[in-house]
Amino acid sequence: MSKELQSKVALVTGASRGIGRAIADLLARDGCDCIVVARTEKMLHEVAQHITTQSGRRVEVCVQDLSTQKGCTALYDQTMQQFGTLDILVNNAGATQGGSFLEQDDVLWEEGFALKFYACVRLCRLFWPQLQKNRGTVVNVVGTFARTPDPDFMIGGAVNAAMANFTKALSRLGLRDDISVNAVYPGLTETNRVEEIFSMQAKMRGVSEDQIRKDILQTEGIHRLGRPTDVAELVAFLCSPSARHIQGTAIAVDGGATMSLY
């Protein structure tokens, strides 16, 4: 527990489970008060109670659909009402559907961009003045599909690529306004979302989910899938004063699976 972030205020979207939950938990252990956001009220309250018990920090819950402007604005209003400030913004919300390209209509594409990409854009815009005032931090949790296009995961790849471009451009604005902006690219990580992807691929290929898992580990040449804490550790570091000279970068947390240079 480094306590480098003592008394900072952090907002983590998509925090009801998986990577988002692990990030909020670690930031609180490092001294942050947090506001956790998702659409599932019961799970969020359980997360908040757990984090408060383990860390002793204040954790507020915001149940909102961030795929809409209204939801993003409501989150901003609640954050300012409850905390009056923000130091750290972690954009983690968003789950895009895999599947056959020819069977995915416009609605699925629009939903994918609405929650992951547009929510990120809107929240960065809303909180930017506060982050500038506090010399704050933005970390966008993107995904390795931004670098490795897949014909069975086109929506996710396109959304992640858009977030990657946006994050890099935002980091240039961050240089002007003294806000740290970086991206994290989780690889396949042991979450409910990855289990859903494995299930989809198993049905498409007519094999078991265990076979899909074995094939992926062999193809990517990695020893294991990632864990949410692997990603959380990097995010917490990027939010710390120790990482202040890291700006506009995108770091993969994938066990070495990504073959591209950038």
C-alpha atoms as a PDB file:
ATOM      1  CA  MET A   1       0.000   0.000   0.000  1.00  0.00           C
ATOM      2  CA  SER A   2       2.040   2.941  -1.303  1.00  0.00           C
ATOM      3  CA  LYS A   3      -0.273   5.767  -0.186  1.00  0.00           C
ATOM      4  CA  GLU A   4       1.118   7.906  -3.028  1.00  0.00           C
ATOM      5  CA  LEU A   5      -2.476   8.789  -3.853  1.00  0.00           C
ATOM      6  CA  GLN A   6      -3.571   9.684  -0.335  1.00  0.00           C
ATOM      7  CA  SER A   7      -6.825  11.689  -0.291  1.00  0.00           C
ATOM      8  CA  LYS A   8      -7.074  11.923  -4.077  1.00  0.00           C
ATOM      9  CA  VAL A   9     -10.545  11.499  -5.606  1.00  0.00           C
ATOM     10  CA  ALA A  10     -10.827   8.832  -8.300  1.00  0.00           C
ATOM     11  CA  LEU A  11     -13.711   7.948 -10.608  1.00  0.00           C
ATOM     12  CA  VAL A  12     -13.790   4.471 -12.138  1.00  0.00           C
ATOM     13  CA  THR A  13     -16.414   3.512 -14.712  1.00  0.00           C
ATOM     14  CA  GLY A  14     -17.493  -0.070 -15.306  1.00  0.00           C
ATOM     15  CA  ALA A  15     -16.527  -0.790 -11.717  1.00  0.00           C
ATOM     16  CA  SER A  16     -19.109  -3.403 -10.737  1.00  0.00           C
ATOM     17  CA  ARG A  17     -16.878  -6.346 -11.672  1.00  0.00           C
ATOM     18  CA  GLY A  18     -13.705  -7.488 -13.356  1.00  0.00           C
ATOM     19  CA  ILE A  19     -11.021  -4.991 -14.275  1.00  0.00           C
ATOM     20  CA  GLY A  20     -12.955  -1.926 -13.123  1.00  0.00           C
ATOM     21  CA  ARG A  21     -13.581  -3.402  -9.702  1.00  0.00           C
ATOM     22  CA  ALA A  22      -9.914  -4.342  -9.322  1.00  0.00           C
ATOM     23  CA  ILE A  23      -8.829  -0.825 -10.308  1.00  0.00           C
ATOM     24  CA  ALA A  24     -11.154   0.864  -7.818  1.00  0.00           C
ATOM     25  CA  ASP A  25     -10.058  -1.517  -5.089  1.00  0.00           C
ATOM     26  CA  LEU A  26      -6.352  -0.853  -5.633  1.00  0.00           C
ATOM     27  CA  LEU A  27      -6.752   2.926  -5.959  1.00  0.00           C
ATOM     28  CA  ALA A  28      -8.595   2.943  -2.632  1.00  0.00           C
ATOM     29  CA  ARG A  29      -5.869   0.838  -1.032  1.00  0.00           C
ATOM     30  CA  ASP A  30      -3.393   3.440  -2.309  1.00  0.00           C
ATOM     31  CA  GLY A  31      -5.320   6.172  -0.505  1.00  0.00           C
ATOM     32  CA  CYS A  32      -7.998   7.379  -2.926  1.00  0.00           C
ATOM     33  CA  ASP A  33     -11.596   8.145  -2.149  1.00  0.00           C
ATOM     34  CA  CYS A  34     -13.612   6.746  -5.045  1.00  0.00           C
ATOM     35  CA  ILE A  35     -16.834   7.032  -6.963  1.00  0.00           C
ATOM     36  CA  VAL A  36     -17.665   3.781  -8.728  1.00  0.00           C
ATOM     37  CA  VAL A  37     -20.025   3.702 -11.699  1.00  0.00           C
ATOM     38  CA  ALA A  38     -21.994   1.028 -13.547  1.00  0.00           C
ATOM     39  CA  ARG A  39     -25.544   0.122 -14.476  1.00  0.00           C
ATOM     40  CA  THR A  40     -25.969  -2.692 -11.928  1.00  0.00           C
ATOM     41  CA  GLU A  41     -26.977  -1.199  -8.589  1.00  0.00           C
ATOM     42  CA  LYS A  42     -26.793  -4.290  -6.384  1.00  0.00           C
ATOM     43  CA  MET A  43     -23.315  -5.277  -7.579  1.00  0.00           C
ATOM     44  CA  LEU A  44     -22.038  -1.699  -7.218  1.00  0.00           C
ATOM     45  CA  HIS A  45     -23.158  -1.449  -3.613  1.00  0.00           C
ATOM     46  CA  GLU A  46     -21.472  -4.770  -2.855  1.00  0.00           C
ATOM     47  CA  VAL A  47     -18.260  -3.503  -4.459  1.00  0.00           C
ATOM     48  CA  ALA A  48     -18.401  -0.225  -2.536  1.00  0.00           C
ATOM     49  CA  GLN A  49     -18.946  -1.999   0.782  1.00  0.00           C
ATOM     50  CA  HIS A  50     -16.085  -4.404   0.127  1.00  0.00           C
ATOM     51  CA  ILE A  51     -13.651  -1.649  -0.851  1.00  0.00           C
ATOM     52  CA  THR A  52     -14.567   0.524   2.127  1.00  0.00           C
ATOM     53  CA  THR A  53     -14.141  -2.402   4.506  1.00  0.00           C
ATOM     54  CA  GLN A  54     -10.757  -3.331   3.066  1.00  0.00           C
ATOM     55  CA  SER A  55      -9.306   0.164   2.610  1.00  0.00           C
ATOM     56  CA  GLY A  56     -11.145   2.426   5.037  1.00  0.00           C
ATOM     57  CA  ARG A  57     -11.659   4.939   2.237  1.00  0.00           C
ATOM     58  CA  ARG A  58     -14.869   6.672   1.229  1.00  0.00           C
ATOM     59  CA  VAL A  59     -16.567   5.016  -1.741  1.00  0.00           C
ATOM     60  CA  GLU A  60     -19.667   6.481  -3.373  1.00  0.00           C
ATOM     61  CA  VAL A  61     -21.921   4.645  -5.815  1.00  0.00           C
ATOM     62  CA  CYS A  62     -23.352   6.096  -9.028  1.00  0.00           C
ATOM     63  CA  VAL A  63     -25.792   3.956 -11.012  1.00  0.00           C
ATOM     64  CA  GLN A  64     -25.969   5.395 -14.511  1.00  0.00           C
ATOM     65  CA  ASP A  65     -26.125   4.363 -18.152  1.00  0.00           C
ATOM     66  CA  LEU A  66     -23.069   6.112 -19.562  1.00  0.00           C
ATOM     67  CA  SER A  67     -24.049   5.362 -23.141  1.00  0.00           C
ATOM     68  CA  THR A  68     -26.150   8.538 -23.000  1.00  0.00           C
ATOM     69  CA  GLN A  69     -25.246  12.189 -22.557  1.00  0.00           C
ATOM     70  CA  LYS A  70     -27.797  12.347 -19.749  1.00  0.00           C
ATOM     71  CA  GLY A  71     -26.066   9.566 -17.836  1.00  0.00           C
ATOM     72  CA  CYS A  72     -22.645  11.174 -18.201  1.00  0.00           C
ATOM     73  CA  THR A  73     -23.946  14.560 -17.073  1.00  0.00           C
ATOM     74  CA  ALA A  74     -25.671  12.971 -14.068  1.00  0.00           C
ATOM     75  CA  LEU A  75     -22.401  11.316 -13.089  1.00  0.00           C
ATOM     76  CA  TYR A  76     -20.566  14.624 -13.317  1.00  0.00           C
ATOM     77  CA  ASP A  77     -23.217  16.372 -11.215  1.00  0.00           C
ATOM     78  CA  GLN A  78     -23.150  13.671  -8.532  1.00  0.00           C
ATOM     79  CA  THR A  79     -19.348  13.651  -8.361  1.00  0.00           C
ATOM     80  CA  MET A  80     -19.174  17.402  -7.920  1.00  0.00           C
ATOM     81  CA  GLN A  81     -21.977  17.366  -5.361  1.00  0.00           C
ATOM     82  CA  GLN A  82     -20.416  14.587  -3.260  1.00  0.00           C
ATOM     83  CA  PHE A  83     -16.711  15.379  -3.620  1.00  0.00           C
ATOM     84  CA  GLY A  84     -16.484  18.837  -5.181  1.00  0.00           C
ATOM     85  CA  THR A  85     -13.448  17.811  -7.229  1.00  0.00           C
ATOM     86  CA  LEU A  86     -11.767  15.038  -9.229  1.00  0.00           C
ATOM     87  CA  ASP A  87      -8.119  13.998  -9.513  1.00  0.00           C
ATOM     88  CA  ILE A  88      -8.275  10.714 -11.429  1.00  0.00           C
ATOM     89  CA  LEU A  89     -10.587   9.590 -14.223  1.00  0.00           C
ATOM     90  CA  VAL A  90     -10.430   5.941 -15.295  1.00  0.00           C
ATOM     91  CA  ASN A  91     -12.588   5.205 -18.340  1.00  0.00           C
ATOM     92  CA  ASN A  92     -13.121   1.455 -18.183  1.00  0.00           C
ATOM     93  CA  ALA A  93     -16.819   0.995 -19.067  1.00  0.00           C
ATOM     94  CA  GLY A  94     -17.807  -0.718 -22.266  1.00  0.00           C
ATOM     95  CA  ALA A  95     -18.439  -4.181 -23.640  1.00  0.00           C
ATOM     96  CA  THR A  96     -18.688  -4.717 -27.385  1.00  0.00           C
ATOM     97  CA  GLN A  97     -20.135  -7.805 -29.012  1.00  0.00           C
ATOM     98  CA  GLY A  98     -18.146 -10.236 -31.055  1.00  0.00           C
ATOM     99  CA  GLY A  99     -19.696 -12.301 -33.798  1.00  0.00           C
ATOM    100  CA  SER A 100     -20.092 -12.696 -37.517  1.00  0.00           C
ATOM    101  CA  PHE A 101     -19.742  -9.364 -39.323  1.00  0.00           C
ATOM    102  CA  LEU A 102     -22.582 -10.107 -41.741  1.00  0.00           C
ATOM    103  CA  GLU A 103     -24.965 -10.801 -38.859  1.00  0.00           C
ATOM    104  CA  GLN A 104     -24.236  -7.638 -36.857  1.00  0.00           C
ATOM    105  CA  ASP A 105     -26.570  -4.750 -37.650  1.00  0.00           C
ATOM    106  CA  ASP A 106     -26.088  -1.020 -37.093  1.00  0.00           C
ATOM    107  CA  VAL A 107     -27.662  -1.144 -33.643  1.00  0.00           C
ATOM    108  CA  LEU A 108     -24.848  -3.312 -32.267  1.00  0.00           C
ATOM    109  CA  TRP A 109     -22.234  -0.995 -33.748  1.00  0.00           C
ATOM    110  CA  GLU A 110     -23.959   2.077 -32.311  1.00  0.00           C
ATOM    111  CA  GLU A 111     -24.252   0.476 -28.875  1.00  0.00           C
ATOM    112  CA  GLY A 112     -20.574  -0.463 -28.910  1.00  0.00           C
ATOM    113  CA  PHE A 113     -19.455   3.072 -29.656  1.00  0.00           C
ATOM    114  CA  ALA A 114     -22.015   4.694 -27.335  1.00  0.00           C
ATOM    115  CA  LEU A 115     -20.877   3.086 -24.083  1.00  0.00           C
ATOM    116  CA  LYS A 116     -17.146   2.723 -24.579  1.00  0.00           C
ATOM    117  CA  PHE A 117     -16.103   5.516 -26.929  1.00  0.00           C
ATOM    118  CA  TYR A 118     -18.646   8.301 -26.497  1.00  0.00           C
ATOM    119  CA  ALA A 119     -18.826   7.898 -22.725  1.00  0.00           C
ATOM    120  CA  CYS A 120     -15.047   8.282 -22.596  1.00  0.00           C
ATOM    121  CA  VAL A 121     -15.176  11.399 -24.777  1.00  0.00           C
ATOM    122  CA  ARG A 122     -18.006  12.979 -22.793  1.00  0.00           C
ATOM    123  CA  LEU A 123     -16.515  12.315 -19.373  1.00  0.00           C
ATOM    124  CA  CYS A 124     -13.116  13.656 -20.405  1.00  0.00           C
ATOM    125  CA  ARG A 125     -14.791  16.827 -21.653  1.00  0.00           C
ATOM    126  CA  LEU A 126     -16.975  17.259 -18.572  1.00  0.00           C
ATOM    127  CA  PHE A 127     -14.209  16.697 -16.013  1.00  0.00           C
ATOM    128  CA  TRP A 128     -11.348  18.355 -17.885  1.00  0.00           C
ATOM    129  CA  PRO A 129     -11.543  21.694 -16.010  1.00  0.00           C
ATOM    130  CA  GLN A 130     -11.351  19.913 -12.652  1.00  0.00           C
ATOM    131  CA  LEU A 131      -8.506  17.691 -13.828  1.00  0.00           C
ATOM    132  CA  GLN A 132      -6.641  20.747 -15.101  1.00  0.00           C
ATOM    133  CA  LYS A 133      -7.104  22.505 -11.770  1.00  0.00           C
ATOM    134  CA  ASN A 134      -5.688  19.485  -9.905  1.00  0.00           C
ATOM    135  CA  ARG A 135      -2.971  18.450 -12.377  1.00  0.00           C
ATOM    136  CA  GLY A 136      -4.957  15.251 -12.644  1.00  0.00           C
ATOM    137  CA  THR A 137      -4.809  11.973 -14.502  1.00  0.00           C
ATOM    138  CA  VAL A 138      -6.820  10.209 -17.205  1.00  0.00           C
ATOM    139  CA  VAL A 139      -6.334   6.511 -17.899  1.00  0.00           C
ATOM    140  CA  ASN A 140      -8.382   4.946 -20.684  1.00  0.00           C
ATOM    141  CA  VAL A 141      -8.721   1.164 -20.579  1.00  0.00           C
ATOM    142  CA  VAL A 142      -8.793   0.288 -24.266  1.00  0.00           C
ATOM    143  CA  GLY A 143      -7.823  -3.229 -25.347  1.00  0.00           C
ATOM    144  CA  THR A 144      -5.358  -5.059 -27.556  1.00  0.00           C
ATOM    145  CA  PHE A 145      -7.899  -5.436 -30.373  1.00  0.00           C
ATOM    146  CA  ALA A 146      -6.995  -1.837 -31.219  1.00  0.00           C
ATOM    147  CA  ARG A 147      -3.725  -3.267 -32.544  1.00  0.00           C
ATOM    148  CA  THR A 148      -4.803  -6.729 -33.645  1.00  0.00           C
ATOM    149  CA  PRO A 149      -7.914  -6.664 -35.881  1.00  0.00           C
ATOM    150  CA  ASP A 150     -10.022  -9.815 -35.793  1.00  0.00           C
ATOM    151  CA  PRO A 151     -12.793 -10.694 -38.271  1.00  0.00           C
ATOM    152  CA  ASP A 152     -14.933 -12.061 -35.437  1.00  0.00           C
ATOM    153  CA  PHE A 153     -14.478  -8.981 -33.221  1.00  0.00           C
ATOM    154  CA  MET A 154     -14.813  -6.067 -35.621  1.00  0.00           C
ATOM    155  CA  ILE A 155     -16.929  -3.831 -33.408  1.00  0.00           C
ATOM    156  CA  GLY A 156     -14.549  -4.112 -30.485  1.00  0.00           C
ATOM    157  CA  GLY A 157     -11.538  -3.545 -32.713  1.00  0.00           C
ATOM    158  CA  ALA A 158     -13.027  -0.436 -34.298  1.00  0.00           C
ATOM    159  CA  VAL A 159     -14.120   1.033 -30.955  1.00  0.00           C
ATOM    160  CA  ASN A 160     -10.738   0.336 -29.376  1.00  0.00           C
ATOM    161  CA  ALA A 161      -8.897   1.869 -32.330  1.00  0.00           C
ATOM    162  CA  ALA A 162     -11.025   4.995 -32.035  1.00  0.00           C
ATOM    163  CA  MET A 163     -10.261   5.220 -28.308  1.00  0.00           C
ATOM    164  CA  ALA A 164      -6.556   4.764 -28.987  1.00  0.00           C
ATOM    165  CA  ASN A 165      -6.523   7.664 -31.461  1.00  0.00           C
ATOM    166  CA  PHE A 166      -8.601   9.832 -29.140  1.00  0.00           C
ATOM    167  CA  THR A 167      -6.326   9.106 -26.171  1.00  0.00           C
ATOM    168  CA  LYS A 168      -3.200  10.025 -28.106  1.00  0.00           C
ATOM    169  CA  ALA A 169      -4.741  13.304 -29.283  1.00  0.00           C
ATOM    170  CA  LEU A 170      -6.049  14.054 -25.785  1.00  0.00           C
ATOM    171  CA  SER A 171      -2.576  13.548 -24.377  1.00  0.00           C
ATOM    172  CA  ARG A 172      -1.349  16.447 -26.505  1.00  0.00           C
ATOM    173  CA  LEU A 173      -4.000  18.634 -24.928  1.00  0.00           C
ATOM    174  CA  GLY A 174      -2.919  17.188 -21.601  1.00  0.00           C
ATOM    175  CA  LEU A 175       0.579  18.517 -22.245  1.00  0.00           C
ATOM    176  CA  ARG A 176      -0.832  22.013 -22.578  1.00  0.00           C
ATOM    177  CA  ASP A 177      -3.020  21.727 -19.480  1.00  0.00           C
ATOM    178  CA  ASP A 178      -0.718  19.598 -17.293  1.00  0.00           C
ATOM    179  CA  ILE A 179      -2.981  16.544 -17.201  1.00  0.00           C
ATOM    180  CA  SER A 180      -1.496  13.073 -17.467  1.00  0.00           C
ATOM    181  CA  VAL A 181      -3.236  11.027 -20.186  1.00  0.00           C
ATOM    182  CA  ASN A 182      -2.406   7.411 -21.062  1.00  0.00           C
ATOM    183  CA  ALA A 183      -4.028   4.218 -22.295  1.00  0.00           C
ATOM    184  CA  VAL A 184      -3.847   0.647 -21.052  1.00  0.00           C
ATOM    185  CA  TYR A 185      -4.426  -2.299 -23.388  1.00  0.00           C
ATOM    186  CA  PRO A 186      -5.540  -5.403 -21.473  1.00  0.00           C
ATOM    187  CA  GLY A 187      -5.194  -8.665 -23.320  1.00  0.00           C
ATOM    188  CA  LEU A 188      -7.515 -11.560 -22.628  1.00  0.00           C
ATOM    189  CA  THR A 189      -8.218 -11.305 -18.916  1.00  0.00           C
ATOM    190  CA  GLU A 190     -10.097 -13.613 -16.562  1.00  0.00           C
ATOM    191  CA  THR A 191     -13.393 -11.727 -16.437  1.00  0.00           C
ATOM    192  CA  ASN A 192     -17.047 -12.480 -17.104  1.00  0.00           C
ATOM    193  CA  ARG A 193     -16.661 -10.633 -20.385  1.00  0.00           C
ATOM    194  CA  VAL A 194     -13.910 -12.958 -21.604  1.00  0.00           C
ATOM    195  CA  GLU A 195     -15.985 -15.969 -20.604  1.00  0.00           C
ATOM    196  CA  GLU A 196     -18.755 -14.578 -22.830  1.00  0.00           C
ATOM    197  CA  ILE A 197     -16.286 -14.216 -25.713  1.00  0.00           C
ATOM    198  CA  PHE A 198     -15.097 -17.797 -25.253  1.00  0.00           C
ATOM    199  CA  SER A 199     -18.706 -18.999 -25.233  1.00  0.00           C
ATOM    200  CA  MET A 200     -19.448 -17.099 -28.452  1.00  0.00           C
ATOM    201  CA  GLN A 201     -16.377 -18.496 -30.186  1.00  0.00           C
ATOM    202  CA  ALA A 202     -17.128 -22.020 -28.991  1.00  0.00           C
ATOM    203  CA  LYS A 203     -20.615 -21.863 -30.497  1.00  0.00           C
ATOM    204  CA  MET A 204     -19.290 -20.445 -33.777  1.00  0.00           C
ATOM    205  CA  ARG A 205     -16.668 -23.193 -34.075  1.00  0.00           C
ATOM    206  CA  GLY A 206     -18.680 -26.033 -32.590  1.00  0.00           C
ATOM    207  CA  VAL A 207     -16.136 -26.884 -29.880  1.00  0.00           C
ATOM    208  CA  SER A 208     -15.962 -26.618 -26.093  1.00  0.00           C
ATOM    209  CA  GLU A 209     -14.985 -23.458 -24.206  1.00  0.00           C
ATOM    210  CA  ASP A 210     -12.027 -25.342 -22.699  1.00  0.00           C
ATOM    211  CA  GLN A 211     -10.784 -26.047 -26.213  1.00  0.00           C
ATOM    212  CA  ILE A 212     -11.100 -22.361 -27.112  1.00  0.00           C
ATOM    213  CA  ARG A 213      -9.049 -21.458 -24.039  1.00  0.00           C
ATOM    214  CA  LYS A 214      -6.326 -23.993 -24.873  1.00  0.00           C
ATOM    215  CA  ASP A 215      -6.190 -22.872 -28.498  1.00  0.00           C
ATOM    216  CA  ILE A 216      -5.828 -19.212 -27.526  1.00  0.00           C
ATOM    217  CA  LEU A 217      -3.029 -19.868 -25.057  1.00  0.00           C
ATOM    218  CA  GLN A 218      -1.193 -21.924 -27.666  1.00  0.00           C
ATOM    219  CA  THR A 219      -1.752 -19.467 -30.513  1.00  0.00           C
ATOM    220  CA  GLU A 220      -0.701 -16.428 -28.498  1.00  0.00           C
ATOM    221  CA  GLY A 221       2.199 -18.249 -26.886  1.00  0.00           C
ATOM    222  CA  ILE A 222       1.330 -17.097 -23.372  1.00  0.00           C
ATOM    223  CA  HIS A 223       1.429 -19.030 -20.114  1.00  0.00           C
ATOM    224  CA  ARG A 224      -1.887 -17.847 -18.709  1.00  0.00           C
ATOM    225  CA  LEU A 225      -4.676 -15.368 -19.210  1.00  0.00           C
ATOM    226  CA  GLY A 226      -4.385 -12.046 -17.464  1.00  0.00           C
ATOM    227  CA  ARG A 227      -5.984 -11.279 -14.136  1.00  0.00           C
ATOM    228  CA  PRO A 228      -7.858  -8.056 -13.306  1.00  0.00           C
ATOM    229  CA  THR A 229      -5.195  -7.222 -10.737  1.00  0.00           C
ATOM    230  CA  ASP A 230      -2.533  -7.272 -13.475  1.00  0.00           C
ATOM    231  CA  VAL A 231      -4.295  -4.365 -15.160  1.00  0.00           C
ATOM    232  CA  ALA A 232      -5.103  -2.598 -11.903  1.00  0.00           C
ATOM    233  CA  GLU A 233      -1.450  -2.515 -10.866  1.00  0.00           C
ATOM    234  CA  LEU A 234      -0.488  -0.698 -14.057  1.00  0.00           C
ATOM    235  CA  VAL A 235      -3.390   1.749 -13.839  1.00  0.00           C
ATOM    236  CA  ALA A 236      -2.529   2.610 -10.228  1.00  0.00           C
ATOM    237  CA  PHE A 237       1.087   3.219 -11.213  1.00  0.00           C
ATOM    238  CA  LEU A 238       0.068   5.505 -14.084  1.00  0.00           C
ATOM    239  CA  CYS A 239      -2.056   7.503 -11.636  1.00  0.00           C
ATOM    240  CA  SER A 240       0.825   7.937  -9.205  1.00  0.00           C
ATOM    241  CA  PRO A 241       3.367  10.786  -9.025  1.00  0.00           C
ATOM    242  CA  SER A 242       6.058   8.250  -9.952  1.00  0.00           C
ATOM    243  CA  ALA A 243       4.592   8.026 -13.473  1.00  0.00           C
ATOM    244  CA  ARG A 244       4.221  11.744 -14.090  1.00  0.00           C
ATOM    245  CA  HIS A 245       6.728  11.762 -16.968  1.00  0.00           C
ATOM    246  CA  ILE A 246       4.779   9.058 -18.835  1.00  0.00           C
ATOM    247  CA  GLN A 247       2.456  10.824 -21.242  1.00  0.00           C
ATOM    248  CA  GLY A 248       0.481   9.746 -24.313  1.00  0.00           C
ATOM    249  CA  THR A 249       1.601   6.138 -24.215  1.00  0.00           C
ATOM    250  CA  ALA A 250      -0.358   2.923 -24.630  1.00  0.00           C
ATOM    251  CA  ILE A 251       0.852  -0.062 -22.616  1.00  0.00           C
ATOM    252  CA  ALA A 252      -0.303  -3.631 -23.218  1.00  0.00           C
ATOM    253  CA  VAL A 253      -0.947  -5.955 -20.298  1.00  0.00           C
ATOM    254  CA  ASP A 254      -1.232  -9.198 -22.210  1.00  0.00           C
ATOM    255  CA  GLY A 255       1.612 -11.487 -21.202  1.00  0.00           C
ATOM    256  CA  GLY A 256       3.410 -10.792 -24.480  1.00  0.00           C
ATOM    257  CA  ALA A 257       0.594 -11.864 -26.804  1.00  0.00           C
ATOM    258  CA  THR A 258       0.568  -8.748 -29.002  1.00  0.00           C
ATOM    259  CA  MET A 259       2.954  -9.183 -31.935  1.00  0.00           C
ATOM    260  CA  SER A 260       2.834  -5.623 -33.307  1.00  0.00           C
ATOM    261  CA  LEU A 261       5.502  -3.023 -32.565  1.00  0.00           C
ATOM    262  CA  TYR A 262       3.070  -0.350 -31.384  1.00  0.00           C
END
